[in-house]
All heavy atoms as atom14 arrays in JSON, in Angstrom:
{
  "sequence": "LDKTGTITVGNRQAAEFRPVGTVDVPELADAAQLASLADETPEGRSV",
  "atom14_mask": [
    [1, 1, 1, 1, 1, 1, 1, 1, 0, 0, 0, 0, 0, 0],
    [1, 1, 1, 1, 1, 1, 1, 1, 0, 0, 0, 0, 0, 0],
    [1, 1, 1, 1, 1, 1, 1, 1, 1, 0, 0, 0, 0, 0],
    [1, 1, 1, 1, 1, 1, 1, 0, 0, 0, 0, 0, 0, 0],
    [1, 1, 1, 1, 0, 0, 0, 0, 0, 0, 0, 0, 0, 0],
    [1, 1, 1, 1, 1, 1, 1, 0, 0, 0, 0, 0, 0, 0],
    [1, 1, 1, 1, 1, 1, 1, 1, 0, 0, 0, 0, 0, 0],
    [1, 1, 1, 1, 1, 1, 1, 0, 0, 0, 0, 0, 0, 0],
    [1, 1, 1, 1, 1, 1, 1, 0, 0, 0, 0, 0, 0, 0],
    [1, 1, 1, 1, 0, 0, 0, 0, 0, 0, 0, 0, 0, 0],
    [1, 1, 1, 1, 1, 1, 1, 1, 0, 0, 0, 0, 0, 0],
    [1, 1, 1, 1, 1, 1, 1, 1, 1, 1, 1, 0, 0, 0],
    [1, 1, 1, 1, 1, 1, 1, 1, 1, 0, 0, 0, 0, 0],
    [1, 1, 1, 1, 1, 0, 0, 0, 0, 0, 0, 0, 0, 0],
    [1, 1, 1, 1, 1, 0, 0, 0, 0, 0, 0, 0, 0, 0],
    [1, 1, 1, 1, 1, 1, 1, 1, 1, 0, 0, 0, 0, 0],
    [1, 1, 1, 1, 1, 1, 1, 1, 1, 1, 1, 0, 0, 0],
    [1, 1, 1, 1, 1, 1, 1, 1, 1, 1, 1, 0, 0, 0],
    [1, 1, 1, 1, 1, 1, 1, 0, 0, 0, 0, 0, 0, 0],
    [1, 1, 1, 1, 1, 1, 1, 0, 0, 0, 0, 0, 0, 0],
    [1, 1, 1, 1, 0, 0, 0, 0, 0, 0, 0, 0, 0, 0],
    [1, 1, 1, 1, 1, 1, 1, 0, 0, 0, 0, 0, 0, 0],
    [1, 1, 1, 1, 1, 1, 1, 0, 0, 0, 0, 0, 0, 0],
    [1, 1, 1, 1, 1, 1, 1, 1, 0, 0, 0, 0, 0, 0],
    [1, 1, 1, 1, 1, 1, 1, 0, 0, 0, 0, 0, 0, 0],
    [1, 1, 1, 1, 1, 1, 1, 0, 0, 0, 0, 0, 0, 0],
    [1, 1, 1, 1, 1, 1, 1, 1, 1, 0, 0, 0, 0, 0],
    [1, 1, 1, 1, 1, 1, 1, 1, 0, 0, 0, 0, 0, 0],
    [1, 1, 1, 1, 1, 0, 0, 0, 0, 0, 0, 0, 0, 0],
    [1, 1, 1, 1, 1, 1, 1, 1, 0, 0, 0, 0, 0, 0],
    [1, 1, 1, 1, 1, 0, 0, 0, 0, 0, 0, 0, 0, 0],
    [1, 1, 1, 1, 1, 0, 0, 0, 0, 0, 0, 0, 0, 0],
    [1, 1, 1, 1, 1, 1, 1, 1, 1, 0, 0, 0, 0, 0],
    [1, 1, 1, 1, 1, 1, 1, 1, 0, 0, 0, 0, 0, 0],
    [1, 1, 1, 1, 1, 0, 0, 0, 0, 0, 0, 0, 0, 0],
    [1, 1, 1, 1, 1, 1, 0, 0, 0, 0, 0, 0, 0, 0],
    [1, 1, 1, 1, 1, 1, 1, 1, 0, 0, 0, 0, 0, 0],
    [1, 1, 1, 1, 1, 0, 0, 0, 0, 0, 0, 0, 0, 0],
    [1, 1, 1, 1, 1, 1, 1, 1, 0, 0, 0, 0, 0, 0],
    [1, 1, 1, 1, 1, 1, 1, 1, 1, 0, 0, 0, 0, 0],
    [1, 1, 1, 1, 1, 1, 1, 0, 0, 0, 0, 0, 0, 0],
    [1, 1, 1, 1, 1, 1, 1, 0, 0, 0, 0, 0, 0, 0],
    [1, 1, 1, 1, 1, 1, 1, 1, 1, 0, 0, 0, 0, 0],
    [1, 1, 1, 1, 0, 0, 0, 0, 0, 0, 0, 0, 0, 0],
    [1, 1, 1, 1, 1, 1, 1, 1, 1, 1, 1, 0, 0, 0],
    [1, 1, 1, 1, 1, 1, 0, 0, 0, 0, 0, 0, 0, 0],
    [1, 1, 1, 1, 1, 1, 1, 0, 0, 0, 0, 0, 0, 0]
  ],
  "atom14_positions": [
    [[39.18, -9.44, -13.81], [38.56, -8.53, -14.77], [38.11, -7.26, -14.08], [37.5, -7.3, -13.01], [37.35, -9.19, -15.45], [37.59, -10.51, -16.16], [37.0, -11.65, -15.33], [36.97, -10.52, -17.55], [0.0, 0.0, 0.0], [0.0, 0.0, 0.0], [0.0, 0.0, 0.0], [0.0, 0.0, 0.0], [0.0, 0.0, 0.0], [0.0, 0.0, 0.0]],
    [[38.41, -6.11, -14.71], [37.89, -4.85, -14.2], [36.37, -4.84, -14.33], [35.82, -5.4, -15.28], [38.47, -3.68, -14.99], [39.87, -3.32, -14.53], [40.17, -3.59, -13.36], [40.64, -2.8, -15.34], [0.0, 0.0, 0.0], [0.0, 0.0, 0.0], [0.0, 0.0, 0.0], [0.0, 0.0, 0.0], [0.0, 0.0, 0.0], [0.0, 0.0, 0.0]],
    [[35.72, -4.2, -13.38], [34.26, -4.11, -13.45], [33.84, -3.2, -14.6], [33.1, -3.62, -15.5], [33.7, -3.56, -12.14], [32.18, -3.46, -12.11], [31.7, -2.41, -11.11], [31.94, -1.0, -11.62], [31.4, 0.05, -10.75], [0.0, 0.0, 0.0], [0.0, 0.0, 0.0], [0.0, 0.0, 0.0], [0.0, 0.0, 0.0], [0.0, 0.0, 0.0]],
    [[34.32, -1.96, -14.6], [33.85, -0.95, -15.54], [34.38, -1.24, -16.94], [35.58, -1.34, -17.14], [34.28, 0.46, -15.1], [33.82, 0.68, -13.77], [33.72, 1.51, -16.03], [0.0, 0.0, 0.0], [0.0, 0.0, 0.0], [0.0, 0.0, 0.0], [0.0, 0.0, 0.0], [0.0, 0.0, 0.0], [0.0, 0.0, 0.0], [0.0, 0.0, 0.0]],
    [[33.47, -1.37, -17.9], [33.85, -1.58, -19.28], [34.05, -3.04, -19.64], [34.08, -3.4, -20.81], [0.0, 0.0, 0.0], [0.0, 0.0, 0.0], [0.0, 0.0, 0.0], [0.0, 0.0, 0.0], [0.0, 0.0, 0.0], [0.0, 0.0, 0.0], [0.0, 0.0, 0.0], [0.0, 0.0, 0.0], [0.0, 0.0, 0.0], [0.0, 0.0, 0.0]],
    [[34.19, -3.9, -18.63], [34.38, -5.32, -18.9], [33.13, -6.09, -18.5], [32.53, -6.79, -19.31], [35.59, -5.87, -18.11], [36.74, -5.1, -18.44], [35.84, -7.32, -18.46], [0.0, 0.0, 0.0], [0.0, 0.0, 0.0], [0.0, 0.0, 0.0], [0.0, 0.0, 0.0], [0.0, 0.0, 0.0], [0.0, 0.0, 0.0], [0.0, 0.0, 0.0]],
    [[32.74, -5.94, -17.25], [31.55, -6.62, -16.75], [30.32, -5.72, -16.91], [29.24, -6.19, -17.24], [31.75, -7.03, -15.28], [32.86, -8.09, -15.21], [30.46, -7.56, -14.67], [33.27, -8.45, -13.81], [0.0, 0.0, 0.0], [0.0, 0.0, 0.0], [0.0, 0.0, 0.0], [0.0, 0.0, 0.0], [0.0, 0.0, 0.0], [0.0, 0.0, 0.0]],
    [[30.51, -4.42, -16.68], [29.42, -3.47, -16.86], [29.66, -2.64, -18.12], [30.77, -2.64, -18.67], [29.29, -2.53, -15.65], [30.48, -1.73, -15.55], [29.12, -3.33, -14.37], [0.0, 0.0, 0.0], [0.0, 0.0, 0.0], [0.0, 0.0, 0.0], [0.0, 0.0, 0.0], [0.0, 0.0, 0.0], [0.0, 0.0, 0.0], [0.0, 0.0, 0.0]],
    [[28.62, -1.93, -18.57], [28.74, -1.19, -19.82], [29.62, 0.05, -19.68], [29.98, 0.67, -20.67], [27.36, -0.76, -20.35], [26.54, -1.95, -20.72], [26.63, 0.1, -19.33], [0.0, 0.0, 0.0], [0.0, 0.0, 0.0], [0.0, 0.0, 0.0], [0.0, 0.0, 0.0], [0.0, 0.0, 0.0], [0.0, 0.0, 0.0], [0.0, 0.0, 0.0]],
    [[29.97, 0.42, -18.47], [30.92, 1.52, -18.3], [30.35, 2.75, -17.62], [31.06, 3.5, -16.99], [0.0, 0.0, 0.0], [0.0, 0.0, 0.0], [0.0, 0.0, 0.0], [0.0, 0.0, 0.0], [0.0, 0.0, 0.0], [0.0, 0.0, 0.0], [0.0, 0.0, 0.0], [0.0, 0.0, 0.0], [0.0, 0.0, 0.0], [0.0, 0.0, 0.0]],
    [[29.06, 2.99, -17.76], [28.42, 4.14, -17.11], [27.13, 3.69, -16.44], [26.39, 2.85, -16.98], [28.1, 5.23, -18.14], [29.34, 5.8, -18.78], [30.14, 6.45, -18.13], [29.5, 5.54, -20.08], [0.0, 0.0, 0.0], [0.0, 0.0, 0.0], [0.0, 0.0, 0.0], [0.0, 0.0, 0.0], [0.0, 0.0, 0.0], [0.0, 0.0, 0.0]],
    [[26.85, 4.27, -15.28], [25.6, 3.94, -14.6], [24.42, 4.54, -15.36], [24.53, 5.64, -15.91], [25.64, 4.43, -13.16], [26.73, 3.72, -12.37], [26.66, 3.98, -10.9], [27.62, 3.14, -10.2], [27.65, 2.98, -8.89], [26.78, 3.6, -8.12], [28.56, 2.21, -8.33], [0.0, 0.0, 0.0], [0.0, 0.0, 0.0], [0.0, 0.0, 0.0]],
    [[23.32, 3.81, -15.38], [22.15, 4.26, -16.12], [20.91, 4.21, -15.22], [20.84, 3.43, -14.27], [21.93, 3.36, -17.35], [23.08, 3.43, -18.33], [22.81, 2.6, -19.57], [21.75, 2.01, -19.72], [23.78, 2.56, -20.47], [0.0, 0.0, 0.0], [0.0, 0.0, 0.0], [0.0, 0.0, 0.0], [0.0, 0.0, 0.0], [0.0, 0.0, 0.0]],
    [[19.95, 5.06, -15.57], [18.7, 5.1, -14.81], [17.93, 3.81, -15.01], [17.73, 3.36, -16.15], [17.87, 6.29, -15.25], [0.0, 0.0, 0.0], [0.0, 0.0, 0.0], [0.0, 0.0, 0.0], [0.0, 0.0, 0.0], [0.0, 0.0, 0.0], [0.0, 0.0, 0.0], [0.0, 0.0, 0.0], [0.0, 0.0, 0.0], [0.0, 0.0, 0.0]],
    [[17.51, 3.19, -13.91], [16.81, 1.91, -13.99], [15.34, 2.04, -13.6], [14.49, 1.33, -14.14], [17.49, 0.89, -13.09], [0.0, 0.0, 0.0], [0.0, 0.0, 0.0], [0.0, 0.0, 0.0], [0.0, 0.0, 0.0], [0.0, 0.0, 0.0], [0.0, 0.0, 0.0], [0.0, 0.0, 0.0], [0.0, 0.0, 0.0], [0.0, 0.0, 0.0]],
    [[15.02, 2.95, -12.66], [13.61, 3.12, -12.26], [13.44, 4.44, -11.52], [14.4, 5.05, -11.04], [13.16, 1.96, -11.37], [13.87, 1.9, -10.02], [13.29, 0.84, -9.1], [12.07, 0.56, -9.21], [14.03, 0.31, -8.26], [0.0, 0.0, 0.0], [0.0, 0.0, 0.0], [0.0, 0.0, 0.0], [0.0, 0.0, 0.0], [0.0, 0.0, 0.0]],
    [[12.18, 4.88, -11.47], [11.8, 6.07, -10.7], [11.0, 5.6, -9.48], [10.05, 4.82, -9.61], [10.94, 7.02, -11.54], [11.64, 7.56, -12.76], [11.15, 7.3, -14.03], [12.78, 8.33, -12.64], [11.78, 7.79, -15.15], [13.43, 8.83, -13.75], [12.93, 8.56, -15.02], [0.0, 0.0, 0.0], [0.0, 0.0, 0.0], [0.0, 0.0, 0.0]],
    [[11.4, 6.08, -8.28], [10.74, 5.66, -7.04], [10.09, 6.89, -6.39], [10.75, 7.67, -5.67], [11.78, 5.06, -6.08], [12.52, 3.83, -6.62], [11.67, 2.58, -6.47], [11.42, 2.29, -5.07], [12.25, 1.59, -4.28], [13.39, 1.12, -4.77], [11.93, 1.35, -3.03], [0.0, 0.0, 0.0], [0.0, 0.0, 0.0], [0.0, 0.0, 0.0]],
    [[8.79, 7.14, -6.63], [8.13, 8.31, -6.03], [7.93, 8.12, -4.53], [7.91, 6.99, -4.02], [6.79, 8.36, -6.76], [6.53, 6.94, -7.17], [7.89, 6.34, -7.46], [0.0, 0.0, 0.0], [0.0, 0.0, 0.0], [0.0, 0.0, 0.0], [0.0, 0.0, 0.0], [0.0, 0.0, 0.0], [0.0, 0.0, 0.0], [0.0, 0.0, 0.0]],
    [[7.76, 9.24, -3.81], [7.5, 9.19, -2.37], [6.26, 10.04, -2.06], [5.85, 10.9, -2.85], [8.71, 9.7, -1.56], [9.91, 8.78, -1.74], [9.05, 11.14, -1.94], [0.0, 0.0, 0.0], [0.0, 0.0, 0.0], [0.0, 0.0, 0.0], [0.0, 0.0, 0.0], [0.0, 0.0, 0.0], [0.0, 0.0, 0.0], [0.0, 0.0, 0.0]],
    [[5.67, 9.77, -0.91], [4.5, 10.53, -0.49], [3.33, 10.3, -1.43], [3.05, 9.18, -1.84], [0.0, 0.0, 0.0], [0.0, 0.0, 0.0], [0.0, 0.0, 0.0], [0.0, 0.0, 0.0], [0.0, 0.0, 0.0], [0.0, 0.0, 0.0], [0.0, 0.0, 0.0], [0.0, 0.0, 0.0], [0.0, 0.0, 0.0], [0.0, 0.0, 0.0]],
    [[2.67, 11.39, -1.81], [1.49, 11.29, -2.69], [1.84, 11.44, -4.17], [0.95, 11.44, -5.02], [0.48, 12.39, -2.3], [1.11, 13.67, -2.46], [0.0, 12.21, -0.88], [0.0, 0.0, 0.0], [0.0, 0.0, 0.0], [0.0, 0.0, 0.0], [0.0, 0.0, 0.0], [0.0, 0.0, 0.0], [0.0, 0.0, 0.0], [0.0, 0.0, 0.0]],
    [[3.11, 11.57, -4.48], [3.55, 11.73, -5.88], [3.41, 10.41, -6.62], [3.71, 9.34, -6.06], [5.02, 12.22, -5.92], [5.49, 12.34, -7.36], [5.16, 13.54, -5.18], [0.0, 0.0, 0.0], [0.0, 0.0, 0.0], [0.0, 0.0, 0.0], [0.0, 0.0, 0.0], [0.0, 0.0, 0.0], [0.0, 0.0, 0.0], [0.0, 0.0, 0.0]],
    [[2.96, 10.47, -7.89], [2.91, 9.24, -8.68], [4.11, 9.18, -9.63], [4.84, 10.16, -9.81], [1.59, 9.12, -9.44], [1.33, 10.29, -10.38], [2.29, 11.02, -10.71], [0.16, 10.48, -10.77], [0.0, 0.0, 0.0], [0.0, 0.0, 0.0], [0.0, 0.0, 0.0], [0.0, 0.0, 0.0], [0.0, 0.0, 0.0], [0.0, 0.0, 0.0]],
    [[4.29, 8.01, -10.27], [5.47, 7.8, -11.11], [5.53, 8.75, -12.3], [6.59, 9.34, -12.58], [5.53, 6.32, -11.58], [6.69, 6.12, -12.56], [5.69, 5.39, -10.39], [0.0, 0.0, 0.0], [0.0, 0.0, 0.0], [0.0, 0.0, 0.0], [0.0, 0.0, 0.0], [0.0, 0.0, 0.0], [0.0, 0.0, 0.0], [0.0, 0.0, 0.0]],
    [[4.43, 8.97, -13.07], [4.52, 9.9, -14.21], [4.96, 11.3, -13.8], [5.7, 11.96, -14.52], [3.1, 9.88, -14.78], [2.55, 8.55, -14.39], [3.11, 8.3, -13.02], [0.0, 0.0, 0.0], [0.0, 0.0, 0.0], [0.0, 0.0, 0.0], [0.0, 0.0, 0.0], [0.0, 0.0, 0.0], [0.0, 0.0, 0.0], [0.0, 0.0, 0.0]],
    [[4.48, 11.77, -12.64], [4.86, 13.11, -12.18], [6.36, 13.17, -11.89], [7.04, 14.12, -12.27], [4.05, 13.47, -10.93], [4.32, 14.9, -10.44], [3.52, 15.25, -9.19], [2.73, 14.39, -8.72], [3.68, 16.36, -8.68], [0.0, 0.0, 0.0], [0.0, 0.0, 0.0], [0.0, 0.0, 0.0], [0.0, 0.0, 0.0], [0.0, 0.0, 0.0]],
    [[6.89, 12.13, -11.23], [8.32, 12.09, -10.95], [9.12, 11.96, -12.24], [10.15, 12.63, -12.42], [8.63, 10.9, -10.02], [10.11, 10.59, -9.79], [10.84, 11.79, -9.17], [10.27, 9.36, -8.89], [0.0, 0.0, 0.0], [0.0, 0.0, 0.0], [0.0, 0.0, 0.0], [0.0, 0.0, 0.0], [0.0, 0.0, 0.0], [0.0, 0.0, 0.0]],
    [[8.66, 11.11, -13.17], [9.38, 10.92, -14.43], [9.43, 12.21, -15.23], [10.46, 12.55, -15.83], [8.71, 9.81, -15.24], [0.0, 0.0, 0.0], [0.0, 0.0, 0.0], [0.0, 0.0, 0.0], [0.0, 0.0, 0.0], [0.0, 0.0, 0.0], [0.0, 0.0, 0.0], [0.0, 0.0, 0.0], [0.0, 0.0, 0.0], [0.0, 0.0, 0.0]],
    [[8.32, 12.97, -15.24], [8.28, 14.24, -15.97], [9.29, 15.23, -15.39], [10.05, 15.87, -16.13], [6.87, 14.82, -15.9], [6.77, 16.16, -16.61], [6.83, 16.18, -17.85], [6.65, 17.19, -15.91], [0.0, 0.0, 0.0], [0.0, 0.0, 0.0], [0.0, 0.0, 0.0], [0.0, 0.0, 0.0], [0.0, 0.0, 0.0], [0.0, 0.0, 0.0]],
    [[9.33, 15.36, -14.07], [10.27, 16.29, -13.44], [11.71, 15.84, -13.65], [12.6, 16.67, -13.93], [9.96, 16.38, -11.94], [0.0, 0.0, 0.0], [0.0, 0.0, 0.0], [0.0, 0.0, 0.0], [0.0, 0.0, 0.0], [0.0, 0.0, 0.0], [0.0, 0.0, 0.0], [0.0, 0.0, 0.0], [0.0, 0.0, 0.0], [0.0, 0.0, 0.0]],
    [[11.95, 14.55, -13.54], [13.31, 14.04, -13.73], [13.79, 14.28, -15.15], [14.95, 14.63, -15.39], [13.34, 12.54, -13.4], [0.0, 0.0, 0.0], [0.0, 0.0, 0.0], [0.0, 0.0, 0.0], [0.0, 0.0, 0.0], [0.0, 0.0, 0.0], [0.0, 0.0, 0.0], [0.0, 0.0, 0.0], [0.0, 0.0, 0.0], [0.0, 0.0, 0.0]],
    [[12.88, 14.09, -16.13], [13.26, 14.32, -17.51], [13.6, 15.79, -17.76], [14.61, 16.11, -18.39], [12.13, 13.89, -18.45], [12.49, 14.01, -19.93], [11.3, 13.83, -20.83], [10.29, 14.51, -20.66], [11.4, 12.91, -21.79], [0.0, 0.0, 0.0], [0.0, 0.0, 0.0], [0.0, 0.0, 0.0], [0.0, 0.0, 0.0], [0.0, 0.0, 0.0]],
    [[12.76, 16.69, -17.24], [13.03, 18.12, -17.41], [14.38, 18.5, -16.8], [15.16, 19.25, -17.4], [11.91, 18.94, -16.76], [10.59, 19.06, -17.52], [9.54, 19.73, -16.65], [10.81, 19.84, -18.82], [0.0, 0.0, 0.0], [0.0, 0.0, 0.0], [0.0, 0.0, 0.0], [0.0, 0.0, 0.0], [0.0, 0.0, 0.0], [0.0, 0.0, 0.0]],
    [[14.66, 18.0, -15.62], [15.91, 18.35, -14.93], [17.14, 17.8, -15.65], [18.25, 18.28, -15.44], [15.87, 17.82, -13.5], [0.0, 0.0, 0.0], [0.0, 0.0, 0.0], [0.0, 0.0, 0.0], [0.0, 0.0, 0.0], [0.0, 0.0, 0.0], [0.0, 0.0, 0.0], [0.0, 0.0, 0.0], [0.0, 0.0, 0.0], [0.0, 0.0, 0.0]],
    [[16.93, 16.78, -16.52], [18.07, 16.11, -17.16], [18.26, 16.47, -18.62], [19.19, 15.97, -19.26], [17.91, 14.59, -17.04], [17.76, 14.18, -15.69], [0.0, 0.0, 0.0], [0.0, 0.0, 0.0], [0.0, 0.0, 0.0], [0.0, 0.0, 0.0], [0.0, 0.0, 0.0], [0.0, 0.0, 0.0], [0.0, 0.0, 0.0], [0.0, 0.0, 0.0]],
    [[17.39, 17.32, -19.19], [17.46, 17.6, -20.62], [18.81, 18.19, -21.04], [19.31, 17.91, -22.12], [16.33, 18.55, -21.02], [14.92, 17.94, -21.09], [13.89, 19.01, -21.45], [14.87, 16.8, -22.1], [0.0, 0.0, 0.0], [0.0, 0.0, 0.0], [0.0, 0.0, 0.0], [0.0, 0.0, 0.0], [0.0, 0.0, 0.0], [0.0, 0.0, 0.0]],
    [[19.37, 19.02, -20.2], [20.65, 19.65, -20.55], [21.84, 18.91, -19.97], [22.98, 19.35, -20.11], [20.66, 21.1, -20.05], [0.0, 0.0, 0.0], [0.0, 0.0, 0.0], [0.0, 0.0, 0.0], [0.0, 0.0, 0.0], [0.0, 0.0, 0.0], [0.0, 0.0, 0.0], [0.0, 0.0, 0.0], [0.0, 0.0, 0.0], [0.0, 0.0, 0.0]],
    [[21.59, 17.76, -19.34], [22.66, 16.97, -18.73], [23.2, 16.01, -19.8], [22.55, 15.03, -20.14], [22.1, 16.19, -17.53], [23.2, 15.44, -16.78], [24.33, 15.37, -17.3], [22.9, 14.91, -15.7], [0.0, 0.0, 0.0], [0.0, 0.0, 0.0], [0.0, 0.0, 0.0], [0.0, 0.0, 0.0], [0.0, 0.0, 0.0], [0.0, 0.0, 0.0]],
    [[24.37, 16.31, -20.33], [24.94, 15.5, -21.42], [25.78, 14.33, -20.92], [26.43, 13.66, -21.71], [25.79, 16.38, -22.35], [24.95, 17.31, -23.22], [23.95, 16.54, -24.09], [24.33, 15.5, -24.67], [22.79, 16.96, -24.16], [0.0, 0.0, 0.0], [0.0, 0.0, 0.0], [0.0, 0.0, 0.0], [0.0, 0.0, 0.0], [0.0, 0.0, 0.0]],
    [[25.77, 14.08, -19.61], [26.48, 12.91, -19.11], [25.69, 11.66, -19.49], [24.48, 11.72, -19.73], [26.63, 12.97, -17.58], [25.32, 12.9, -16.99], [27.33, 14.25, -17.15], [0.0, 0.0, 0.0], [0.0, 0.0, 0.0], [0.0, 0.0, 0.0], [0.0, 0.0, 0.0], [0.0, 0.0, 0.0], [0.0, 0.0, 0.0], [0.0, 0.0, 0.0]],
    [[26.35, 10.49, -19.56], [25.61, 9.26, -19.86], [24.47, 9.01, -18.88], [23.41, 8.53, -19.26], [26.69, 8.17, -19.75], [27.97, 8.88, -20.04], [27.8, 10.26, -19.47], [0.0, 0.0, 0.0], [0.0, 0.0, 0.0], [0.0, 0.0, 0.0], [0.0, 0.0, 0.0], [0.0, 0.0, 0.0], [0.0, 0.0, 0.0], [0.0, 0.0, 0.0]],
    [[24.68, 9.37, -17.6], [23.63, 9.18, -16.61], [22.43, 10.08, -16.91], [21.27, 9.65, -16.83], [24.17, 9.47, -15.2], [25.21, 8.47, -14.71], [26.62, 8.8, -15.19], [26.77, 9.78, -15.98], [27.56, 8.1, -14.8], [0.0, 0.0, 0.0], [0.0, 0.0, 0.0], [0.0, 0.0, 0.0], [0.0, 0.0, 0.0], [0.0, 0.0, 0.0]],
    [[22.73, 11.35, -17.25], [21.65, 12.28, -17.55], [20.86, 11.85, -18.77], [19.61, 11.9, -18.78], [0.0, 0.0, 0.0], [0.0, 0.0, 0.0], [0.0, 0.0, 0.0], [0.0, 0.0, 0.0], [0.0, 0.0, 0.0], [0.0, 0.0, 0.0], [0.0, 0.0, 0.0], [0.0, 0.0, 0.0], [0.0, 0.0, 0.0], [0.0, 0.0, 0.0]],
    [[21.56, 11.41, -19.82], [20.85, 10.96, -21.02], [20.01, 9.72, -20.74], [18.94, 9.52, -21.33], [21.87, 10.67, -22.13], [22.53, 11.93, -22.69], [23.23, 11.64, -24.0], [24.32, 10.7, -23.83], [25.58, 11.04, -23.57], [25.87, 12.33, -23.43], [26.52, 10.14, -23.44], [0.0, 0.0, 0.0], [0.0, 0.0, 0.0], [0.0, 0.0, 0.0]],
    [[20.49, 8.86, -19.82], [19.73, 7.65, -19.51], [18.43, 7.98, -18.76], [17.44, 7.27, -18.91], [20.58, 6.68, -18.69], [20.73, 7.11, -17.34], [0.0, 0.0, 0.0], [0.0, 0.0, 0.0], [0.0, 0.0, 0.0], [0.0, 0.0, 0.0], [0.0, 0.0, 0.0], [0.0, 0.0, 0.0], [0.0, 0.0, 0.0], [0.0, 0.0, 0.0]],
    [[18.42, 9.05, -17.97], [17.2, 9.47, -17.28], [16.16, 9.91, -18.31], [14.98, 9.52, -18.24], [17.49, 10.62, -16.29], [16.18, 11.19, -15.74], [18.38, 10.13, -15.15], [0.0, 0.0, 0.0], [0.0, 0.0, 0.0], [0.0, 0.0, 0.0], [0.0, 0.0, 0.0], [0.0, 0.0, 0.0], [0.0, 0.0, 0.0], [0.0, 0.0, 0.0]]
  ]
}
C-alpha cells in the first residue's frame, strides 16, 4: 500500500507548537497563525 492517501490522509498537518527560550506557546501560536493566513497549502491551513 502506498503511504500517501492510503495510510495517511495525504498532506502533512500541524500537530503542535514547540516554543524555545523564554517564548510561551500562545505567543508562538499567534505568530505562526499570522504567518500562515495567506498560505493556501493544506499545511498552511492546518497551522
